[in-house]
N, C-alpha and C. Protein backbone atom coordinates (compact mmCIF):
# COMPACT_ATOMS: atom_id res chain seq x y z
N MET A 1 97.33 117.61 128.65
CA MET A 1 98.00 116.66 127.29
C MET A 1 97.48 118.20 126.72
N GLN A 2 97.90 118.51 125.21
CA GLN A 2 98.01 119.67 124.09
C GLN A 2 96.71 118.94 123.55
N ARG A 3 95.91 120.05 123.12
CA ARG A 3 95.28 119.75 122.25
C ARG A 3 95.73 120.60 120.87
N LEU A 4 95.43 119.91 119.48
CA LEU A 4 95.74 120.75 118.41
C LEU A 4 94.64 121.89 118.03
N SER A 5 94.87 123.29 117.64
CA SER A 5 93.68 124.13 118.06
C SER A 5 93.24 124.12 116.79
N ILE A 6 91.87 124.83 116.72
CA ILE A 6 91.11 124.84 115.83
C ILE A 6 91.65 125.12 114.29
N LYS A 7 92.64 125.80 114.13
CA LYS A 7 93.54 126.08 112.81
C LYS A 7 93.95 125.03 112.49
N GLN A 8 94.63 124.03 112.99
CA GLN A 8 94.95 122.97 112.68
C GLN A 8 94.08 122.21 112.74
N MET A 9 93.20 121.74 113.26
CA MET A 9 92.04 120.69 113.24
C MET A 9 91.59 120.73 111.62
N ASN A 10 91.62 122.39 111.13
CA ASN A 10 90.93 122.89 109.89
C ASN A 10 91.94 122.17 108.45
N HIS A 11 93.16 122.80 109.10
CA HIS A 11 94.19 122.26 107.62
C HIS A 11 94.06 120.68 107.90
N ILE A 12 94.40 119.58 108.57
CA ILE A 12 94.31 118.54 108.86
C ILE A 12 93.15 117.78 107.88
N LEU A 13 91.58 118.40 108.31
CA LEU A 13 90.38 118.01 108.12
C LEU A 13 89.93 118.27 106.89
N ALA A 14 90.61 119.67 106.21
CA ALA A 14 90.87 119.60 104.61
C ALA A 14 91.59 118.63 103.87
N GLY A 15 92.85 118.30 104.52
CA GLY A 15 93.30 117.48 103.69
C GLY A 15 95.43 117.95 103.49
N ASN A 16 95.40 119.19 104.40
CA ASN A 16 96.45 119.48 104.20
C ASN A 16 97.65 118.78 105.15
N SER A 17 98.15 118.98 104.96
CA SER A 17 99.40 118.38 106.31
C SER A 17 99.99 119.37 107.01
N LEU A 18 100.49 119.28 108.07
CA LEU A 18 100.98 119.90 109.14
C LEU A 18 102.42 119.45 109.80
N ALA A 19 103.15 120.63 109.79
CA ALA A 19 104.70 120.42 109.67
C ALA A 19 105.45 121.39 110.71
N ALA A 20 106.50 120.89 111.16
CA ALA A 20 107.32 121.52 111.74
C ALA A 20 109.16 121.68 111.72
N GLU A 21 109.56 122.18 111.92
CA GLU A 21 111.04 122.31 112.83
C GLU A 21 111.09 121.91 113.88
N ILE A 22 111.70 120.94 114.48
CA ILE A 22 111.98 120.81 115.82
C ILE A 22 113.67 120.42 116.21
N ILE A 23 113.61 120.68 117.34
CA ILE A 23 115.03 120.18 117.89
C ILE A 23 115.95 119.35 117.46
N PRO A 24 116.92 119.36 116.49
CA PRO A 24 117.62 118.06 116.23
C PRO A 24 118.76 117.01 117.18
N THR A 25 118.70 115.83 117.13
CA THR A 25 119.36 115.30 118.12
C THR A 25 120.90 115.16 117.80
N LEU A 26 120.99 115.08 116.42
CA LEU A 26 122.40 115.23 115.94
C LEU A 26 123.11 116.41 115.39
N GLN A 27 124.08 116.83 115.92
CA GLN A 27 124.81 118.68 116.04
C GLN A 27 124.85 118.41 114.51
N GLY A 28 124.67 119.86 113.72
CA GLY A 28 124.84 120.10 112.47
C GLY A 28 123.87 119.50 111.76
N HIS A 29 122.99 119.10 112.14
CA HIS A 29 121.27 118.46 111.32
C HIS A 29 120.33 119.20 111.72
N ARG A 30 118.65 119.55 110.65
CA ARG A 30 117.74 119.68 111.37
C ARG A 30 116.59 118.75 111.02
N LYS A 31 115.93 118.91 111.63
CA LYS A 31 114.77 117.72 112.19
C LYS A 31 113.59 118.28 111.92
N PHE A 32 112.73 117.82 111.14
CA PHE A 32 111.45 117.76 110.98
C PHE A 32 110.37 116.99 111.01
N ILE A 33 109.10 117.06 111.47
CA ILE A 33 107.97 116.27 111.65
C ILE A 33 107.23 116.87 110.67
N ILE A 34 106.31 115.76 110.59
CA ILE A 34 105.34 116.17 109.08
C ILE A 34 104.34 115.32 109.25
N ILE A 35 103.09 115.73 109.75
CA ILE A 35 101.82 114.48 109.78
C ILE A 35 100.85 115.06 108.58
N ARG A 36 100.52 114.07 107.73
CA ARG A 36 99.67 113.65 106.85
C ARG A 36 98.31 113.01 107.23
N PRO A 37 97.28 113.42 107.08
CA PRO A 37 96.03 113.02 106.96
C PRO A 37 95.71 111.72 105.67
N TYR A 38 94.82 111.28 105.56
CA TYR A 38 94.24 110.46 104.80
C TYR A 38 93.26 109.29 105.27
N VAL A 39 92.64 108.89 103.94
CA VAL A 39 91.46 108.33 104.20
C VAL A 39 91.42 106.55 103.77
N MET A 40 90.94 105.72 103.63
CA MET A 40 90.85 104.65 103.62
C MET A 40 90.33 104.16 102.18
N LYS A 41 88.82 104.66 101.90
CA LYS A 41 87.69 104.49 101.34
C LYS A 41 87.49 105.92 100.44
N ASP A 42 86.60 105.37 99.36
CA ASP A 42 86.56 106.28 98.32
C ASP A 42 85.22 107.12 98.27
N VAL A 43 84.51 107.75 97.31
CA VAL A 43 83.81 108.85 98.53
C VAL A 43 82.48 107.51 97.99
N TYR A 44 82.40 106.39 97.33
CA TYR A 44 81.31 105.65 97.61
C TYR A 44 81.41 105.09 98.94
N GLY A 45 82.06 104.72 99.49
CA GLY A 45 82.57 103.94 100.89
C GLY A 45 83.21 102.75 100.70
N HIS A 46 83.90 102.56 99.21
CA HIS A 46 84.75 101.30 98.61
C HIS A 46 85.81 101.50 99.26
N GLU A 47 86.49 100.56 99.71
CA GLU A 47 88.28 100.37 100.44
C GLU A 47 89.21 100.40 99.10
N LEU A 48 89.67 101.52 99.55
CA LEU A 48 90.95 102.48 98.53
C LEU A 48 91.73 100.94 97.91
N GLN A 49 92.29 100.23 97.03
CA GLN A 49 92.79 99.05 96.89
C GLN A 49 94.52 99.54 97.01
N SER A 50 94.54 100.91 96.09
CA SER A 50 96.11 101.29 95.94
C SER A 50 96.49 102.13 97.00
N LYS A 51 96.33 103.40 97.49
CA LYS A 51 97.05 103.62 98.40
C LYS A 51 96.00 104.69 99.00
N PRO A 52 96.69 105.06 99.90
CA PRO A 52 95.73 106.08 100.72
C PRO A 52 95.06 107.23 99.96
N ASN A 53 94.06 107.56 99.74
CA ASN A 53 93.35 109.29 99.60
C ASN A 53 93.46 109.84 100.32
N LYS A 54 94.33 111.18 99.78
CA LYS A 54 94.77 112.59 100.67
C LYS A 54 93.92 113.63 100.48
N TYR A 55 93.12 113.48 99.19
CA TYR A 55 92.18 114.68 98.95
C TYR A 55 90.83 114.38 99.59
N LEU A 56 91.01 114.90 100.91
CA LEU A 56 89.66 114.44 102.21
C LEU A 56 88.72 115.21 100.97
N ASN A 57 88.77 116.34 100.39
CA ASN A 57 87.38 117.33 100.68
C ASN A 57 85.96 116.63 99.59
N ASP A 58 87.02 115.81 98.63
CA ASP A 58 85.91 115.20 97.64
C ASP A 58 85.25 114.49 98.70
N LEU A 59 85.51 113.35 99.56
CA LEU A 59 85.14 112.31 100.49
C LEU A 59 83.76 112.51 101.09
N SER A 60 83.28 111.55 101.60
CA SER A 60 81.79 111.87 102.47
C SER A 60 82.39 112.23 103.85
N LYS A 61 81.93 112.91 104.64
CA LYS A 61 82.20 112.88 106.07
C LYS A 61 82.21 112.09 107.04
N ASN A 62 81.48 110.96 106.77
CA ASN A 62 81.54 109.47 107.50
C ASN A 62 82.68 108.94 107.14
N ASN A 63 83.81 109.47 106.63
CA ASN A 63 84.70 108.68 106.40
C ASN A 63 86.09 108.86 107.62
N GLU A 64 86.50 107.72 107.97
CA GLU A 64 87.35 107.74 108.94
C GLU A 64 88.66 108.00 108.88
N LEU A 65 89.06 109.35 109.58
CA LEU A 65 90.21 109.60 109.50
C LEU A 65 91.48 108.93 109.73
N PHE A 66 92.67 109.01 109.12
CA PHE A 66 94.17 108.34 109.27
C PHE A 66 94.99 109.41 109.39
N PHE A 67 96.34 109.24 109.95
CA PHE A 67 97.38 110.10 109.89
C PHE A 67 98.57 109.19 110.23
N SER A 68 99.29 109.86 109.42
CA SER A 68 100.80 109.33 109.70
C SER A 68 101.61 110.53 110.08
N ILE A 69 102.93 110.10 111.26
CA ILE A 69 103.74 110.99 111.54
C ILE A 69 105.28 110.59 110.82
N LEU A 70 105.57 111.46 110.12
CA LEU A 70 107.08 111.42 109.70
C LEU A 70 108.12 112.15 110.26
N GLN A 71 108.79 111.90 111.29
CA GLN A 71 109.96 112.82 111.48
C GLN A 71 111.25 112.30 110.89
N TYR A 72 112.44 113.11 110.44
CA TYR A 72 113.77 113.10 109.99
C TYR A 72 114.64 114.30 110.29
N GLU A 73 116.05 113.75 110.45
CA GLU A 73 116.69 114.53 110.55
C GLU A 73 117.76 114.52 109.04
N ILE A 74 118.02 116.04 108.91
CA ILE A 74 119.20 116.13 107.58
C ILE A 74 120.15 117.34 107.91
N ASN A 75 121.15 116.79 107.18
CA ASN A 75 122.32 116.92 107.39
C ASN A 75 122.48 118.87 106.86
N GLU A 76 122.78 119.95 107.78
CA GLU A 76 122.64 121.24 107.31
C GLU A 76 122.89 121.43 105.50
N LYS A 77 124.05 120.75 105.65
CA LYS A 77 124.99 121.04 104.09
C LYS A 77 124.05 120.32 103.57
N ASP A 78 123.47 119.44 103.44
CA ASP A 78 122.83 118.58 102.26
C ASP A 78 121.29 119.33 101.81
N MET A 79 121.06 120.31 102.88
CA MET A 79 119.68 121.54 102.86
C MET A 79 120.04 122.30 101.54
N ASP A 80 121.24 122.46 101.12
CA ASP A 80 121.95 123.68 100.23
C ASP A 80 121.82 122.87 99.32
N LYS A 81 121.17 121.87 98.80
CA LYS A 81 121.88 121.08 97.40
C LYS A 81 120.74 121.55 96.41
N GLU A 82 121.04 121.50 95.41
CA GLU A 82 120.21 122.21 94.38
C GLU A 82 119.38 121.06 93.38
N TRP A 83 119.97 119.53 93.71
CA TRP A 83 119.20 118.90 93.27
C TRP A 83 117.95 117.97 94.20
N ASP A 84 117.34 116.66 94.35
CA ASP A 84 116.50 116.30 95.08
C ASP A 84 117.39 115.20 95.83
N LEU A 85 116.72 115.05 97.11
CA LEU A 85 117.51 114.35 98.13
C LEU A 85 117.46 113.14 98.06
N ASN A 86 117.61 112.21 98.48
CA ASN A 86 118.01 110.75 98.02
C ASN A 86 117.99 110.06 99.62
N ASN A 87 117.76 108.88 99.42
CA ASN A 87 117.93 108.41 101.14
C ASN A 87 118.89 108.09 101.92
N GLU A 88 120.27 108.59 101.17
CA GLU A 88 121.33 108.20 101.99
C GLU A 88 121.46 109.60 102.94
N ASP A 89 120.66 110.70 102.04
CA ASP A 89 120.95 112.20 102.50
C ASP A 89 120.14 112.58 104.14
N ILE A 90 118.97 111.24 103.96
CA ILE A 90 118.00 111.51 105.61
C ILE A 90 118.56 110.83 106.71
N LYS A 91 118.57 110.97 107.58
CA LYS A 91 119.21 110.51 108.88
C LYS A 91 117.71 110.59 110.12
N LEU A 92 117.80 109.40 110.75
CA LEU A 92 117.34 109.42 111.83
C LEU A 92 115.43 109.08 111.49
N ARG A 93 115.28 108.42 110.63
CA ARG A 93 114.04 108.40 109.91
C ARG A 93 113.39 107.83 110.64
N GLU A 94 112.06 108.30 110.82
CA GLU A 94 110.82 107.72 111.86
C GLU A 94 109.65 107.52 111.35
N CYS A 95 108.67 106.95 110.83
CA CYS A 95 107.40 107.03 110.44
C CYS A 95 106.84 106.09 110.90
N ILE A 96 105.12 106.41 111.47
CA ILE A 96 103.99 106.15 111.66
C ILE A 96 103.38 106.22 111.10
N THR A 97 102.44 105.33 110.99
CA THR A 97 101.42 104.91 110.47
C THR A 97 100.04 104.28 110.91
N ASP A 98 98.99 104.83 109.69
CA ASP A 98 97.44 104.53 110.65
C ASP A 98 97.39 104.44 111.82
N ILE A 99 97.42 106.20 112.53
CA ILE A 99 97.16 106.92 113.72
C ILE A 99 95.25 106.75 112.96
N ARG A 100 94.36 106.24 114.06
CA ARG A 100 93.17 106.45 113.65
C ARG A 100 92.48 107.63 114.19
N GLY A 101 91.98 108.97 114.15
CA GLY A 101 91.50 109.51 114.43
C GLY A 101 92.18 110.44 115.22
N THR A 102 91.79 112.18 115.22
CA THR A 102 92.10 113.28 116.13
C THR A 102 92.82 112.52 117.55
N GLY A 103 92.01 112.10 117.97
CA GLY A 103 92.66 111.91 119.32
C GLY A 103 93.53 110.69 119.67
N LYS A 104 93.86 109.84 118.77
CA LYS A 104 94.68 109.28 118.80
C LYS A 104 96.38 110.28 118.64
N LEU A 105 96.12 110.79 117.19
CA LEU A 105 97.05 111.69 116.85
C LEU A 105 97.71 112.54 118.53
N GLU A 106 96.56 113.08 118.71
CA GLU A 106 96.90 113.99 119.56
C GLU A 106 97.65 113.40 121.06
N VAL A 107 97.27 112.29 121.08
CA VAL A 107 97.56 111.45 122.57
C VAL A 107 99.48 110.64 121.72
N GLU A 108 99.38 110.36 120.69
CA GLU A 108 100.30 110.30 120.25
C GLU A 108 101.84 111.29 119.98
N LEU A 109 101.25 112.27 119.71
CA LEU A 109 102.00 113.57 119.80
C LEU A 109 102.34 113.67 121.03
N ASN A 110 101.40 113.60 122.01
CA ASN A 110 101.85 113.88 123.46
C ASN A 110 102.96 113.19 124.09
N SER A 111 102.75 111.68 123.65
CA SER A 111 103.23 110.83 124.24
C SER A 111 104.61 110.82 123.90
N ARG A 112 105.36 111.52 122.81
CA ARG A 112 106.82 112.17 122.48
C ARG A 112 107.13 113.38 122.43
N ASN A 113 106.35 114.00 123.75
CA ASN A 113 106.85 115.50 124.05
C ASN A 113 106.58 116.54 123.63
N PHE A 114 105.77 116.82 122.71
CA PHE A 114 106.11 117.61 121.42
C PHE A 114 105.23 118.10 121.34
N ASP A 115 105.75 119.66 121.14
CA ASP A 115 104.98 121.10 121.40
C ASP A 115 103.57 121.05 120.42
N LEU A 116 102.56 121.14 120.40
CA LEU A 116 102.14 120.85 119.30
C LEU A 116 101.39 122.13 119.07
N THR A 117 102.16 123.23 119.37
CA THR A 117 101.94 124.89 118.86
C THR A 117 102.62 125.39 118.22
N ALA A 118 103.79 124.08 117.55
CA ALA A 118 104.53 124.75 116.59
C ALA A 118 104.13 124.06 115.48
N LEU A 119 103.32 123.33 115.22
CA LEU A 119 102.80 122.55 113.79
C LEU A 119 102.07 124.07 112.78
N ASP A 120 102.17 123.80 111.75
CA ASP A 120 101.33 124.98 111.08
C ASP A 120 101.28 124.51 109.43
N ALA A 121 100.83 124.71 108.58
CA ALA A 121 100.54 124.02 107.46
C ALA A 121 102.09 123.75 107.20
N GLU A 122 102.06 122.88 105.97
CA GLU A 122 103.74 122.04 105.59
C GLU A 122 103.92 123.22 104.64
N TRP A 123 102.99 124.24 104.16
CA TRP A 123 103.90 124.80 103.18
C TRP A 123 104.63 126.16 103.84
N LYS A 124 104.35 125.96 104.72
CA LYS A 124 105.27 127.43 105.78
C LYS A 124 106.49 126.90 106.18
N CYS A 125 106.68 125.60 106.57
CA CYS A 125 107.87 124.88 107.06
C CYS A 125 109.29 124.59 105.97
N ASP A 126 110.09 124.83 106.44
CA ASP A 126 111.12 125.17 105.53
C ASP A 126 111.44 123.45 105.16
N ASN A 127 110.70 122.57 105.05
CA ASN A 127 110.32 121.01 104.94
C ASN A 127 111.01 120.81 103.69
N PRO A 128 112.58 120.06 103.48
CA PRO A 128 113.04 119.69 101.90
C PRO A 128 112.14 118.51 101.56
N ILE A 129 111.30 117.59 102.03
CA ILE A 129 110.64 116.75 101.16
C ILE A 129 109.28 116.61 100.83
């Protein structure tokens, strides 16, 4: 089983998303995967009522870390648009949420035969969304 590197772990523990471009299933498309960390409690240990918090640096170290995995494909022609993408532009979207802890994240990624070494900070990837 592949494991996340120390650098990748540092990124997600600091609240930064990981991303990579992977092999698309549709011809003429590009496929991306994004892993986003979040927590469900505030700095006082209270459950968040609205949305998960992605700013992990401000939170207690005892907080449990969750992850979401988003995979999607987009037509190469749509990548060159000068306007924002909409839902019709995105093909084969898959989103998995509420993955609890880094161990379960690694298991989920390995079960999909994904090369973990390809993951880097999201801002380094040509991810359009």
